[in-house]
Amino acid sequence: MKKRFIVLVESETDQQTRALADLLSPENFNWWHWLPNSWLIVDSKGQFTSVSLRDAVKKIYPGVKQLCD
């Protein structure tokens, strides 16, 4: 089942941006990150739940305020 997510973070470093992009590798997800600190993600295979994506983002952005929906 195709799922869509929005991830917003308070701030991000280049290293964190690359880490999230690596997690969302093109063979698994489609994503858009044109605006800083904002990610639109399409999970065509239904691999993530909102909870699993939130937990993955927390590991990449420790201590940073975030909104994952």
Protein backbone atom coordinates (compact mmCIF):
# COMPACT_ATOMS: atom_id res chain seq x y z
CA MET A 1 0.00 0.00 0.00
CA LYS A 2 1.40 3.40 -0.99
CA LYS A 3 1.99 5.75 1.95
CA ARG A 4 2.88 9.43 2.00
CA PHE A 5 4.75 11.21 4.78
CA ILE A 6 5.82 14.74 5.65
CA VAL A 7 8.89 15.22 7.83
CA LEU A 8 9.80 18.65 9.19
CA VAL A 9 12.87 19.22 11.36
CA GLU A 10 13.96 22.32 13.26
CA SER A 11 17.42 22.35 11.69
CA GLU A 12 19.72 19.98 9.87
CA THR A 13 23.37 19.62 8.97
CA ASP A 14 24.63 18.48 5.59
CA GLN A 15 25.60 15.16 7.20
CA GLN A 16 22.05 14.66 8.51
CA THR A 17 20.58 15.54 5.12
CA ARG A 18 22.79 12.91 3.45
CA ALA A 19 21.93 10.33 6.12
CA LEU A 20 18.19 10.74 5.59
CA ALA A 21 18.62 10.72 1.81
CA ASP A 22 20.62 7.49 2.13
CA LEU A 23 17.85 5.96 4.26
CA LEU A 24 15.34 6.94 1.59
CA SER A 25 17.34 5.36 -1.22
CA PRO A 26 15.75 5.79 -4.66
CA GLU A 27 15.06 2.07 -5.10
CA ASN A 28 12.80 2.11 -2.02
CA PHE A 29 11.23 5.58 -1.84
CA ASN A 30 10.46 8.72 -3.79
CA TRP A 31 11.19 11.92 -1.92
CA TRP A 32 11.36 15.68 -2.33
CA HIS A 33 13.65 17.95 -0.29
CA TRP A 34 13.65 21.25 -2.10
CA LEU A 35 12.89 23.40 0.96
CA PRO A 36 15.35 23.27 3.87
CA ASN A 37 14.27 21.13 6.82
CA SER A 38 11.27 19.72 4.89
CA TRP A 39 10.85 16.28 3.35
CA LEU A 40 7.95 14.86 1.35
CA ILE A 41 8.22 11.08 1.14
CA VAL A 42 6.29 8.48 -0.86
CA ASP A 43 6.65 4.90 0.31
CA SER A 44 5.23 2.90 -2.62
CA LYS A 45 5.96 -0.46 -0.98
CA GLY A 46 4.47 0.35 2.44
CA GLN A 47 7.74 -0.33 4.27
CA PHE A 48 7.39 2.43 6.89
CA THR A 49 4.76 3.25 9.44
CA SER A 50 4.64 6.73 10.90
CA VAL A 51 6.19 5.33 14.10
CA SER A 52 9.06 3.53 12.33
CA LEU A 53 9.83 6.61 10.21
CA ARG A 54 9.73 8.84 13.29
CA ASP A 55 12.13 6.52 15.11
CA ALA A 56 14.53 6.48 12.15
CA VAL A 57 14.43 10.29 11.91
CA LYS A 58 15.11 10.59 15.67
CA LYS A 59 18.30 8.56 15.23
CA ILE A 60 19.49 10.80 12.39
CA TYR A 61 18.45 14.06 14.12
CA PRO A 62 19.09 13.49 17.83
CA GLY A 63 17.92 16.34 20.04
CA VAL A 64 16.30 18.22 17.14
CA LYS A 65 12.62 19.12 17.26
CA GLN A 66 10.74 17.34 14.51
CA LEU A 67 7.31 16.71 13.11
CA CYS A 68 6.66 13.44 11.29
CA ASP A 69 3.16 12.93 9.95
